[in-house]
Amino acid sequence: MASSDKVPVACPASTGEGKEPMGDPTKTTTAMRDKGTAMMQSWKPIRQMTLHMCSFACYSHDPDRQIEVHMYGHRVNQDFLQCAVYDSNSSKGHLIGIEYIVSEKLFESLSPEEQKLWHSHDYEIHTALLVTPRVPELVAKPELKNLAKSYGKFWCTWQLDRGDRLPLGVPSLMMSPQDVNMGRVKPELVMKRDGELGISTAVLKQSREGICGPEKKNLIADNWVRFRKGFALDVVETDMKRTAPFP
């Protein structure tokens, strides 16, 4: 199984009518039970999410495949954000991956091999592809300045754009849009996003003047821009590690 355009396995979940996930409609009794348990359980990790960002992402192995993403972030500390990534901000949004975001300081502490898996955010910020829905630019600007100097590692676990009705295959490494061939976001995607959120990317772009990227842009990040090579994962059968022989 490789992270490619093709469905990795023959599965009825990737074919058939409609785009909703496979499975029967939720029963009323199940929904009531869910609401009851939700009132009794702790949601501390989820309640730490305080930042909603919307942007676009490209598949590392095929930058021409681009998707809209909504990141819901939890600030671990001043230098580290962890985000759940959805395909929309609606109540029916699908969880399609995770993104980790680190400051320039933390990114520079990583090994070169690790840095190849990360992407920069300054282009997304300068072009207003990355927005913070419903938050005025004046309020969002301090956070945008921090994000412009940051780097992210985003694994997509559900390729909805491929038509998968369940998460299939292995995760795909995602990259940020860039001002190069195949890295530029398709105008129709931006127009659709702007219409849904009631914003104008062109207008917001004007307000981003003066926001600076990393002090010294690391050329290992956005590795595909320089070398036109991405990353794809394969599942490889391997011997299990064990401390004692199996009986």
Protein backbone atom coordinates (compact mmCIF):
# COMPACT_ATOMS: atom_id res chain seq x y z
CA MET A 1 0.00 0.00 0.00
CA ALA A 2 1.42 3.35 -1.00
CA SER A 3 0.25 6.87 -0.39
CA SER A 4 -0.81 7.50 -3.97
CA ASP A 5 -3.75 8.65 -6.07
CA LYS A 6 -5.09 5.12 -6.34
CA VAL A 7 -7.27 3.51 -3.71
CA PRO A 8 -4.83 1.19 -1.89
CA VAL A 9 -7.19 -1.75 -1.45
CA ALA A 10 -10.33 -3.07 -3.08
CA CYS A 11 -12.92 -1.93 -0.57
CA PRO A 12 -16.62 -1.15 -0.99
CA ALA A 13 -16.10 1.88 1.24
CA SER A 14 -14.39 3.68 -1.63
CA THR A 15 -17.11 3.02 -4.18
CA GLY A 16 -20.85 3.23 -4.47
CA GLU A 17 -23.35 6.04 -4.10
CA GLY A 18 -22.80 9.18 -2.06
CA LYS A 19 -19.83 10.64 -0.23
CA GLU A 20 -20.84 10.05 3.37
CA PRO A 21 -18.85 7.53 5.44
CA MET A 22 -19.97 3.93 5.25
CA GLY A 23 -22.33 2.73 7.98
CA ASP A 24 -25.95 2.80 9.09
CA PRO A 25 -27.56 6.03 10.39
CA THR A 26 -27.06 6.59 14.10
CA LYS A 27 -29.94 5.17 16.11
CA THR A 28 -31.92 7.49 18.39
CA THR A 29 -31.07 5.34 21.41
CA THR A 30 -27.36 5.55 20.57
CA ALA A 31 -27.53 9.34 20.17
CA MET A 32 -29.30 9.69 23.53
CA ARG A 33 -26.73 7.48 25.22
CA ASP A 34 -23.92 9.54 23.69
CA LYS A 35 -25.41 12.74 25.07
CA GLY A 36 -25.79 11.18 28.49
CA THR A 37 -22.21 9.94 28.71
CA ALA A 38 -20.96 13.30 27.37
CA MET A 39 -22.42 14.98 30.45
CA MET A 40 -20.55 12.61 32.77
CA GLN A 41 -17.14 12.35 31.15
CA SER A 42 -14.13 14.64 31.12
CA TRP A 43 -13.26 16.46 27.90
CA LYS A 44 -10.14 18.21 29.19
CA PRO A 45 -7.87 17.55 26.16
CA ILE A 46 -10.50 18.75 23.68
CA ARG A 47 -11.40 21.81 25.74
CA GLN A 48 -7.79 22.94 25.47
CA MET A 49 -8.34 23.70 21.77
CA THR A 50 -8.50 27.47 21.52
CA LEU A 51 -7.45 28.30 17.96
CA HIS A 52 -9.33 27.64 14.70
CA MET A 53 -7.36 28.14 11.48
CA CYS A 54 -8.46 27.52 7.91
CA SER A 55 -6.02 27.05 5.04
CA PHE A 56 -5.13 24.70 2.20
CA ALA A 57 -2.72 21.78 1.91
CA CYS A 58 -1.04 19.86 -0.91
CA TYR A 59 -0.16 16.17 -0.99
CA SER A 60 3.61 15.78 -0.75
CA HIS A 61 3.75 13.21 -3.55
CA ASP A 62 1.33 15.18 -5.76
CA PRO A 63 1.10 18.95 -5.03
CA ASP A 64 -1.58 19.31 -7.70
CA ARG A 65 -3.96 17.53 -5.31
CA GLN A 66 -5.07 20.26 -2.93
CA ILE A 67 -7.62 20.34 -0.12
CA GLU A 68 -9.19 22.87 2.22
CA VAL A 69 -8.34 22.19 5.85
CA HIS A 70 -9.59 23.41 9.22
CA MET A 71 -7.12 23.09 12.08
CA TYR A 72 -8.28 23.19 15.70
CA GLY A 73 -5.25 23.86 17.84
CA HIS A 74 -4.21 23.28 21.43
CA ARG A 75 -1.30 25.42 22.60
CA VAL A 76 1.05 23.08 24.46
CA ASN A 77 3.44 25.95 25.15
CA GLN A 78 4.72 29.12 23.48
CA ASP A 79 6.66 27.11 20.89
CA PHE A 80 4.37 24.16 20.19
CA LEU A 81 0.81 23.71 18.89
CA GLN A 82 -0.95 20.41 18.25
CA CYS A 83 -3.94 20.43 15.93
CA ALA A 84 -6.79 18.17 14.91
CA VAL A 85 -7.46 18.68 11.20
CA TYR A 86 -10.95 18.53 9.68
CA ASP A 87 -12.21 18.94 6.13
CA SER A 88 -14.74 21.60 7.18
CA ASN A 89 -15.97 23.60 10.16
CA SER A 90 -19.47 22.15 10.07
CA SER A 91 -20.96 19.77 12.64
CA LYS A 92 -20.54 17.03 10.03
CA GLY A 93 -16.84 17.75 9.48
CA HIS A 94 -14.59 14.72 9.09
CA LEU A 95 -11.39 14.27 11.10
CA ILE A 96 -8.80 13.84 8.33
CA GLY A 97 -5.47 14.17 10.12
CA ILE A 98 -3.20 15.86 12.62
CA GLU A 99 -0.72 18.72 12.35
CA TYR A 100 2.04 19.68 14.74
CA ILE A 101 3.32 23.26 14.61
CA VAL A 102 6.61 24.38 16.12
CA SER A 103 8.41 27.69 16.40
CA GLU A 104 11.49 28.54 14.39
CA LYS A 105 13.60 27.86 17.49
CA LEU A 106 12.31 24.31 17.90
CA PHE A 107 12.46 23.59 14.19
CA GLU A 108 16.13 24.56 14.01
CA SER A 109 16.87 22.04 16.79
CA LEU A 110 15.63 19.13 14.62
CA SER A 111 17.90 16.95 12.51
CA PRO A 112 18.06 17.66 8.74
CA GLU A 113 16.34 14.34 8.00
CA GLU A 114 13.46 15.30 10.28
CA GLN A 115 13.26 18.84 8.88
CA LYS A 116 12.51 17.43 5.42
CA LEU A 117 9.11 16.33 6.70
CA TRP A 118 8.08 19.84 7.74
CA HIS A 119 6.72 22.83 5.82
CA SER A 120 6.85 26.57 6.37
CA HIS A 121 3.82 28.80 6.95
CA ASP A 122 5.01 32.27 5.91
CA TYR A 123 3.65 32.07 2.34
CA GLU A 124 0.23 31.00 3.64
CA ILE A 125 0.19 33.97 6.01
CA HIS A 126 1.44 36.59 3.54
CA THR A 127 -1.10 35.57 0.89
CA ALA A 128 -3.95 35.23 3.41
CA LEU A 129 -4.51 31.61 2.46
CA LEU A 130 -4.39 30.87 6.19
CA VAL A 131 -7.14 32.69 8.09
CA THR A 132 -8.64 32.59 11.57
CA PRO A 133 -12.41 32.49 10.90
CA ARG A 134 -14.57 35.09 12.69
CA VAL A 135 -11.56 36.66 14.38
CA PRO A 136 -10.85 40.24 13.18
CA GLU A 137 -7.43 40.72 11.60
CA LEU A 138 -6.47 43.28 14.24
CA VAL A 139 -7.07 40.70 16.97
CA ALA A 140 -5.49 37.86 14.99
CA LYS A 141 -2.36 39.73 13.90
CA PRO A 142 -0.13 38.82 16.89
CA GLU A 143 -0.90 35.13 16.35
CA LEU A 144 -0.39 35.47 12.60
CA LYS A 145 3.05 36.96 13.22
CA ASN A 146 3.96 33.92 15.32
CA LEU A 147 2.58 31.49 12.75
CA ALA A 148 4.50 33.17 9.92
CA LYS A 149 7.74 32.10 11.61
CA SER A 150 6.57 28.58 12.38
CA TYR A 151 6.84 25.18 10.70
CA GLY A 152 4.30 22.36 10.54
CA LYS A 153 4.17 18.60 10.02
CA PHE A 154 0.78 17.43 8.76
CA TRP A 155 -0.23 13.80 8.27
CA CYS A 156 -3.48 13.22 6.38
CA THR A 157 -5.15 9.99 7.49
CA TRP A 158 -8.30 10.17 5.37
CA GLN A 159 -8.12 11.06 1.67
CA LEU A 160 -11.67 12.26 1.19
CA ASP A 161 -10.77 14.03 -2.03
CA ARG A 162 -9.95 10.62 -3.50
CA GLY A 163 -13.48 9.46 -2.76
CA ASP A 164 -12.62 7.26 0.21
CA ARG A 165 -15.67 6.73 2.41
CA LEU A 166 -13.51 5.33 5.21
CA PRO A 167 -9.89 6.11 6.15
CA LEU A 168 -7.95 3.75 3.87
CA GLY A 169 -4.29 2.90 3.46
CA VAL A 170 -1.43 4.71 5.14
CA PRO A 171 -1.14 8.39 6.13
CA SER A 172 -0.01 10.92 3.54
CA LEU A 173 2.47 13.66 4.32
CA MET A 174 1.06 17.06 3.40
CA MET A 175 2.82 20.27 2.45
CA SER A 176 1.87 23.95 2.45
CA PRO A 177 1.09 25.92 -0.72
CA GLN A 178 4.03 27.76 -2.27
CA ASP A 179 4.56 30.24 -5.09
CA VAL A 180 5.78 27.62 -7.57
CA ASN A 181 4.18 25.47 -10.27
CA MET A 182 1.80 22.90 -8.74
CA GLY A 183 2.17 24.65 -5.37
CA ARG A 184 -0.21 27.51 -6.11
CA VAL A 185 -3.69 26.96 -4.72
CA LYS A 186 -6.38 26.60 -7.36
CA PRO A 187 -8.49 29.82 -7.52
CA GLU A 188 -11.74 27.87 -7.39
CA LEU A 189 -10.77 26.40 -4.00
CA VAL A 190 -10.09 29.86 -2.59
CA MET A 191 -13.34 31.23 -4.04
CA LYS A 192 -15.33 28.37 -2.52
CA ARG A 193 -13.69 28.85 0.90
CA ASP A 194 -14.21 32.63 0.84
CA GLY A 195 -17.88 32.19 -0.01
CA GLU A 196 -18.45 29.75 2.82
CA LEU A 197 -16.67 31.90 5.41
CA GLY A 198 -17.87 35.27 4.10
CA ILE A 199 -14.35 36.67 3.64
CA SER A 200 -12.16 38.04 0.86
CA THR A 201 -8.67 36.59 0.64
CA ALA A 202 -7.63 39.47 -1.64
CA VAL A 203 -8.69 42.07 0.93
CA LEU A 204 -7.13 40.19 3.85
CA LYS A 205 -3.86 39.90 1.93
CA GLN A 206 -3.51 43.69 2.00
CA SER A 207 -3.69 43.68 5.80
CA ARG A 208 -0.82 41.18 6.07
CA GLU A 209 1.86 43.65 4.99
CA GLY A 210 4.63 43.95 7.55
CA ILE A 211 4.33 40.37 8.81
CA CYS A 212 7.75 38.72 8.51
CA GLY A 213 8.64 35.06 8.07
CA PRO A 214 11.49 33.20 9.78
CA GLU A 215 14.61 35.19 10.55
CA LYS A 216 16.55 32.91 8.19
CA LYS A 217 14.34 30.71 6.02
CA ASN A 218 15.47 27.11 6.38
CA LEU A 219 15.84 25.60 2.89
CA ILE A 220 15.41 22.03 4.11
CA ALA A 221 11.75 22.69 4.90
CA ASP A 222 9.51 22.65 1.81
CA ASN A 223 12.02 20.16 0.44
CA TRP A 224 9.89 19.45 -2.64
CA VAL A 225 10.15 23.03 -3.91
CA ARG A 226 13.89 22.67 -4.52
CA PHE A 227 14.16 19.02 -5.53
CA ARG A 228 10.67 18.24 -6.93
CA LYS A 229 10.57 15.09 -4.84
CA GLY A 230 7.91 14.32 -2.25
CA PHE A 231 7.37 11.55 0.27
CA ALA A 232 5.06 8.54 0.12
CA LEU A 233 4.62 5.85 2.75
CA ASP A 234 4.50 2.11 2.18
CA VAL A 235 3.47 -0.69 4.52
CA VAL A 236 6.32 -3.16 4.81
CA GLU A 237 5.95 -6.52 6.50
CA THR A 238 8.62 -6.98 9.15
CA ASP A 239 9.54 -9.37 11.94
CA MET A 240 8.08 -8.41 15.30
CA LYS A 241 10.50 -7.47 18.05
CA ARG A 242 10.18 -9.75 21.04
CA THR A 243 12.16 -10.53 24.18
CA ALA A 244 11.23 -14.21 24.23
CA PRO A 245 10.31 -16.80 21.59
CA PHE A 246 6.67 -17.30 20.76
CA PRO A 247 5.27 -20.53 22.31
